[in-house]
């Protein structure tokens, strides 16, 4: 249902570097930076696998902080996302593991990005 979405960030370059590292294990990369002449001088760029689905706009930290859950193909990707996001400067908000209060095979990991947004990788597969 959702084609794309995004958040505002306080430091575009810092956020871009963080998300490049955090999303790489999920097969996503930085795909596009919109030319400044089309944004009024504001840095805007998008991440995705095939098309830009998650966007950053340098306009101050998102208030209130947002939550985004990125899909993982398997539990190993969730683990790799968590390790990469933590290595990129994220803050732990829930180590990888089952969350049976959502459903029996919900496997997720939660990290706060540099602006305090709660980002998650989740796999719904039973193993």
C-alpha atoms as a PDB file:
ATOM      1  CA  UNK A   1       0.000   0.000   0.000  1.00  0.00           C
ATOM      2  CA  UNK A   2       2.768   2.512   0.825  1.00  0.00           C
ATOM      3  CA  UNK A   3       4.959   3.383  -2.150  1.00  0.00           C
ATOM      4  CA  UNK A   4       7.501   5.481  -0.277  1.00  0.00           C
ATOM      5  CA  UNK A   5       7.956   7.454   2.905  1.00  0.00           C
ATOM      6  CA  UNK A   6      10.634   9.332   4.774  1.00  0.00           C
ATOM      7  CA  UNK A   7      11.835  11.388   7.678  1.00  0.00           C
ATOM      8  CA  UNK A   8      13.461  14.725   8.308  1.00  0.00           C
ATOM      9  CA  UNK A   9      16.972  14.627   9.769  1.00  0.00           C
ATOM     10  CA  UNK A  10      19.194  17.162  11.495  1.00  0.00           C
ATOM     11  CA  UNK A  11      22.381  16.240   9.583  1.00  0.00           C
ATOM     12  CA  UNK A  12      21.828  14.775   6.124  1.00  0.00           C
ATOM     13  CA  UNK A  13      25.377  13.541   5.603  1.00  0.00           C
ATOM     14  CA  UNK A  14      25.500  11.831   9.012  1.00  0.00           C
ATOM     15  CA  UNK A  15      22.087  10.237   8.477  1.00  0.00           C
ATOM     16  CA  UNK A  16      23.000   9.149   4.940  1.00  0.00           C
ATOM     17  CA  UNK A  17      26.174   7.444   6.211  1.00  0.00           C
ATOM     18  CA  UNK A  18      24.248   5.763   9.042  1.00  0.00           C
ATOM     19  CA  UNK A  19      21.497   4.424   6.779  1.00  0.00           C
ATOM     20  CA  UNK A  20      23.939   3.331   4.075  1.00  0.00           C
ATOM     21  CA  UNK A  21      25.609   1.057   6.620  1.00  0.00           C
ATOM     22  CA  UNK A  22      22.452  -0.012   8.478  1.00  0.00           C
ATOM     23  CA  UNK A  23      20.382  -0.870   5.392  1.00  0.00           C
ATOM     24  CA  UNK A  24      23.127  -2.608   3.381  1.00  0.00           C
ATOM     25  CA  UNK A  25      22.505  -6.023   5.017  1.00  0.00           C
ATOM     26  CA  UNK A  26      18.880  -5.757   3.849  1.00  0.00           C
ATOM     27  CA  UNK A  27      19.953  -5.214   0.235  1.00  0.00           C
ATOM     28  CA  UNK A  28      19.095  -1.512   0.220  1.00  0.00           C
ATOM     29  CA  UNK A  29      21.400   1.316  -0.827  1.00  0.00           C
ATOM     30  CA  UNK A  30      21.383   5.055  -1.419  1.00  0.00           C
ATOM     31  CA  UNK A  31      19.865   5.432  -4.881  1.00  0.00           C
ATOM     32  CA  UNK A  32      19.199   9.092  -5.503  1.00  0.00           C
ATOM     33  CA  UNK A  33      19.975  12.577  -4.272  1.00  0.00           C
ATOM     34  CA  UNK A  34      17.601  15.178  -5.651  1.00  0.00           C
ATOM     35  CA  UNK A  35      19.483  18.126  -7.189  1.00  0.00           C
ATOM     36  CA  UNK A  36      19.469  21.109  -4.828  1.00  0.00           C
ATOM     37  CA  UNK A  37      17.907  23.333  -7.480  1.00  0.00           C
ATOM     38  CA  UNK A  38      14.772  21.161  -7.240  1.00  0.00           C
ATOM     39  CA  UNK A  39      14.540  21.281  -3.441  1.00  0.00           C
ATOM     40  CA  UNK A  40      15.166  24.921  -2.641  1.00  0.00           C
ATOM     41  CA  UNK A  41      18.664  24.068  -1.457  1.00  0.00           C
ATOM     42  CA  UNK A  42      17.563  21.333   0.965  1.00  0.00           C
ATOM     43  CA  UNK A  43      19.378  17.993   0.865  1.00  0.00           C
ATOM     44  CA  UNK A  44      16.941  15.189  -0.059  1.00  0.00           C
ATOM     45  CA  UNK A  45      17.835  11.611  -0.946  1.00  0.00           C
ATOM     46  CA  UNK A  46      16.322   8.170  -1.151  1.00  0.00           C
ATOM     47  CA  UNK A  47      17.210   4.575  -0.283  1.00  0.00           C
ATOM     48  CA  UNK A  48      15.814   1.355  -1.621  1.00  0.00           C
ATOM     49  CA  UNK A  49      16.430  -1.934  -3.383  1.00  0.00           C
ATOM     50  CA  UNK A  50      15.070  -1.181  -6.857  1.00  0.00           C
ATOM     51  CA  UNK A  51      13.532   2.236  -6.344  1.00  0.00           C
ATOM     52  CA  UNK A  52      13.815   4.890  -3.642  1.00  0.00           C
ATOM     53  CA  UNK A  53      11.291   3.937  -0.969  1.00  0.00           C
ATOM     54  CA  UNK A  54      12.781   5.549   2.156  1.00  0.00           C
ATOM     55  CA  UNK A  55      13.690   9.234   1.963  1.00  0.00           C
ATOM     56  CA  UNK A  56      15.757  11.600   4.107  1.00  0.00           C
ATOM     57  CA  UNK A  57      15.237  15.374   4.095  1.00  0.00           C
ATOM     58  CA  UNK A  58      17.608  17.678   5.970  1.00  0.00           C
ATOM     59  CA  UNK A  59      15.087  19.794   7.836  1.00  0.00           C
ATOM     60  CA  UNK A  60      15.781  19.155  11.521  1.00  0.00           C
ATOM     61  CA  UNK A  61      15.224  16.030  13.547  1.00  0.00           C
ATOM     62  CA  UNK A  62      11.861  14.299  13.091  1.00  0.00           C
ATOM     63  CA  UNK A  63       9.485  15.422  15.860  1.00  0.00           C
ATOM     64  CA  UNK A  64       8.217  13.298  17.388  1.00  0.00           C
ATOM     65  CA  UNK A  65      10.698  10.576  16.452  1.00  0.00           C
ATOM     66  CA  UNK A  66       9.341   8.105  13.903  1.00  0.00           C
ATOM     67  CA  UNK A  67       9.289   4.322  13.732  1.00  0.00           C
ATOM     68  CA  UNK A  68      10.132   2.462  10.525  1.00  0.00           C
ATOM     69  CA  UNK A  69      10.281  -1.318  10.145  1.00  0.00           C
ATOM     70  CA  UNK A  70      12.334  -2.583   7.198  1.00  0.00           C
ATOM     71  CA  UNK A  71      11.644  -6.065   5.866  1.00  0.00           C
ATOM     72  CA  UNK A  72      14.316  -8.739   6.076  1.00  0.00           C
ATOM     73  CA  UNK A  73      14.326 -11.947   4.044  1.00  0.00           C
ATOM     74  CA  UNK A  74      15.582 -14.044   6.942  1.00  0.00           C
ATOM     75  CA  UNK A  75      16.702 -13.834  10.547  1.00  0.00           C
ATOM     76  CA  UNK A  76      20.367 -13.585   9.560  1.00  0.00           C
ATOM     77  CA  UNK A  77      19.567 -10.307   7.772  1.00  0.00           C
ATOM     78  CA  UNK A  78      17.932  -8.989  10.955  1.00  0.00           C
ATOM     79  CA  UNK A  79      21.047  -9.889  12.924  1.00  0.00           C
ATOM     80  CA  UNK A  80      23.311  -8.270  10.300  1.00  0.00           C
ATOM     81  CA  UNK A  81      21.147  -5.125  10.218  1.00  0.00           C
ATOM     82  CA  UNK A  82      21.406  -4.783  13.987  1.00  0.00           C
ATOM     83  CA  UNK A  83      25.192  -5.242  13.991  1.00  0.00           C
ATOM     84  CA  UNK A  84      25.636  -2.781  11.106  1.00  0.00           C
ATOM     85  CA  UNK A  85      23.329  -0.161  12.634  1.00  0.00           C
ATOM     86  CA  UNK A  86      25.086  -0.395  15.989  1.00  0.00           C
ATOM     87  CA  UNK A  87      28.509  -0.136  14.303  1.00  0.00           C
ATOM     88  CA  UNK A  88      27.255   2.940  12.424  1.00  0.00           C
ATOM     89  CA  UNK A  89      26.504   4.737  15.703  1.00  0.00           C
ATOM     90  CA  UNK A  90      22.984   3.571  16.465  1.00  0.00           C
ATOM     91  CA  UNK A  91      21.700   3.028  19.993  1.00  0.00           C
ATOM     92  CA  UNK A  92      20.244  -0.301  21.095  1.00  0.00           C
ATOM     93  CA  UNK A  93      16.469  -0.318  21.404  1.00  0.00           C
ATOM     94  CA  UNK A  94      15.946  -4.087  21.354  1.00  0.00           C
ATOM     95  CA  UNK A  95      18.461  -6.751  20.336  1.00  0.00           C
ATOM     96  CA  UNK A  96      17.540  -9.331  17.682  1.00  0.00           C
ATOM     97  CA  UNK A  97      15.083 -11.906  18.873  1.00  0.00           C
ATOM     98  CA  UNK A  98      11.596 -13.328  18.726  1.00  0.00           C
ATOM     99  CA  UNK A  99       8.732 -11.033  19.682  1.00  0.00           C
ATOM    100  CA  UNK A 100       5.927 -13.587  20.209  1.00  0.00           C
ATOM    101  CA  UNK A 101       3.626 -10.898  21.598  1.00  0.00           C
ATOM    102  CA  UNK A 102       3.259  -9.769  17.939  1.00  0.00           C
ATOM    103  CA  UNK A 103       3.063 -13.293  16.493  1.00  0.00           C
ATOM    104  CA  UNK A 104       4.890 -16.609  16.950  1.00  0.00           C
ATOM    105  CA  UNK A 105       7.536 -16.088  14.249  1.00  0.00           C
ATOM    106  CA  UNK A 106       8.056 -12.304  14.509  1.00  0.00           C
ATOM    107  CA  UNK A 107      11.840 -11.858  14.643  1.00  0.00           C
ATOM    108  CA  UNK A 108      13.013  -8.271  14.924  1.00  0.00           C
ATOM    109  CA  UNK A 109      15.726  -5.909  16.082  1.00  0.00           C
ATOM    110  CA  UNK A 110      15.348  -2.254  17.055  1.00  0.00           C
ATOM    111  CA  UNK A 111      17.912   0.573  16.910  1.00  0.00           C
ATOM    112  CA  UNK A 112      17.665   4.323  17.457  1.00  0.00           C
ATOM    113  CA  UNK A 113      19.246   6.334  14.622  1.00  0.00           C
ATOM    114  CA  UNK A 114      21.360   9.476  15.282  1.00  0.00           C
ATOM    115  CA  UNK A 115      18.182  11.604  15.614  1.00  0.00           C
ATOM    116  CA  UNK A 116      16.398   9.140  17.920  1.00  0.00           C
ATOM    117  CA  UNK A 117      14.088   7.506  15.364  1.00  0.00           C
ATOM    118  CA  UNK A 118      13.262   3.878  16.125  1.00  0.00           C
ATOM    119  CA  UNK A 119      14.287   1.755  13.150  1.00  0.00           C
ATOM    120  CA  UNK A 120      13.675  -1.952  12.960  1.00  0.00           C
ATOM    121  CA  UNK A 121      14.431  -4.909  10.756  1.00  0.00           C
ATOM    122  CA  UNK A 122      11.841  -7.671  10.886  1.00  0.00           C
ATOM    123  CA  UNK A 123      11.465 -11.151   9.462  1.00  0.00           C
ATOM    124  CA  UNK A 124       8.109 -12.951   9.619  1.00  0.00           C
ATOM    125  CA  UNK A 125       9.353 -16.331   8.381  1.00  0.00           C
ATOM    126  CA  UNK A 126       8.955 -19.226  10.826  1.00  0.00           C
ATOM    127  CA  UNK A 127      12.695 -20.062  10.863  1.00  0.00           C
END
